Amino acid sequence: MKFADAPGGQKQSVPGRPVVFRRVAGEGSTSMIGQSGELPPPGMRQLTEAESPFGERPGDARPELSPATQALVRALTVARDRRLAEVQA
């Protein structure tokens, strides 16, 4: 799965086995990227492959990342940066 890292920026792959959660109750973003096997946050459910992952509210087209996905992105970014530093040294 790809998402834009910043407005107008390059796209970046979401690591792991991403799934999309959709808000069905409560406040907050319409969508969240989680990991397969991760429980949806309160007020959200996991989308099926047939459903659109894009938000239905203006300005909400970019889903937020779940805590598990954020941790995975951080760990892989640190490992990538460490490896790049080794190669460039």
Protein backbone atom coordinates (compact mmCIF):
# COMPACT_ATOMS: atom_id res chain seq x y z
CA MET A 1 0.00 0.00 0.00
CA LYS A 2 1.33 3.46 -0.84
CA PHE A 3 0.60 6.80 0.80
CA ALA A 4 1.94 10.33 0.36
CA ASP A 5 4.49 11.12 3.04
CA ALA A 6 3.83 14.87 2.75
CA PRO A 7 1.66 17.06 0.55
CA GLY A 8 3.27 16.99 -2.89
CA GLY A 9 5.94 14.60 -1.59
CA GLN A 10 6.99 11.22 -2.84
CA LYS A 11 4.94 8.18 -2.02
CA GLN A 12 6.15 5.71 0.58
CA SER A 13 5.18 2.08 1.10
CA VAL A 14 3.39 1.13 4.29
CA PRO A 15 5.35 -1.77 5.82
CA GLY A 16 4.01 -5.01 7.20
CA ARG A 17 0.61 -6.38 6.22
CA PRO A 18 -1.51 -3.22 6.13
CA VAL A 19 -5.28 -3.13 6.49
CA VAL A 20 -7.67 -0.17 6.53
CA PHE A 21 -9.92 0.67 9.46
CA ARG A 22 -13.00 2.88 8.85
CA ARG A 23 -14.69 5.01 11.50
CA VAL A 24 -18.28 3.92 12.16
CA ALA A 25 -18.87 5.82 15.42
CA GLY A 26 -17.37 8.66 17.42
CA GLU A 27 -15.00 11.45 16.46
CA GLY A 28 -11.63 11.39 14.73
CA SER A 29 -10.24 10.60 11.32
CA THR A 30 -12.38 8.62 8.91
CA SER A 31 -9.69 6.02 8.13
CA MET A 32 -6.63 4.50 9.76
CA ILE A 33 -3.95 2.16 8.39
CA GLY A 34 -3.40 -0.76 10.75
CA GLN A 35 -1.69 -4.12 10.60
CA SER A 36 -3.30 -7.46 9.79
CA GLY A 37 -4.30 -9.08 13.07
CA GLU A 38 -4.40 -5.75 14.95
CA LEU A 39 -7.76 -5.00 16.56
CA PRO A 40 -9.53 -1.91 15.19
CA PRO A 41 -9.58 1.06 17.58
CA PRO A 42 -12.87 1.84 19.34
CA GLY A 43 -15.43 3.22 16.90
CA MET A 44 -13.69 1.68 13.85
CA ARG A 45 -13.99 -1.55 11.87
CA GLN A 46 -11.73 -3.22 9.32
CA LEU A 47 -12.71 -2.64 5.69
CA THR A 48 -13.09 -5.48 3.24
CA GLU A 49 -11.15 -5.50 -0.04
CA ALA A 50 -14.28 -4.36 -1.89
CA GLU A 51 -14.66 -1.12 0.13
CA SER A 52 -12.90 2.17 -0.63
CA PRO A 53 -10.18 3.20 1.86
CA PHE A 54 -10.61 6.91 1.08
CA GLY A 55 -12.31 9.23 3.54
CA GLU A 56 -15.76 10.54 2.87
CA ARG A 57 -15.18 13.96 4.45
CA PRO A 58 -13.28 16.75 2.64
CA GLY A 59 -9.65 16.97 3.70
CA ASP A 60 -9.70 13.46 5.17
CA ALA A 61 -8.29 11.56 2.18
CA ARG A 62 -5.08 10.59 4.01
CA PRO A 63 -5.67 8.01 6.73
CA GLU A 64 -3.70 8.18 9.95
CA LEU A 65 -1.40 5.33 11.00
CA SER A 66 -2.23 3.04 13.90
CA PRO A 67 0.25 2.84 16.80
CA ALA A 68 1.50 -0.56 15.55
CA THR A 69 2.04 0.81 12.03
CA GLN A 70 3.76 3.96 13.37
CA ALA A 71 6.15 1.82 15.43
CA LEU A 72 6.95 -0.35 12.41
CA VAL A 73 7.60 2.71 10.22
CA ARG A 74 9.90 4.21 12.91
CA ALA A 75 11.87 0.99 13.37
CA LEU A 76 12.35 0.50 9.64
CA THR A 77 13.31 4.16 9.11
CA VAL A 78 15.99 3.90 11.81
CA ALA A 79 17.33 0.66 10.29
CA ARG A 80 17.33 2.19 6.79
CA ASP A 81 19.12 5.35 7.97
CA ARG A 82 21.69 3.28 9.89
CA ARG A 83 22.40 1.14 6.83
CA LEU A 84 22.69 4.19 4.56
CA ALA A 85 25.19 5.75 6.99
CA GLU A 86 27.26 2.54 6.94
CA VAL A 87 27.29 2.42 3.14
CA GLN A 88 28.22 6.09 2.83
CA ALA A 89 31.06 5.84 5.39
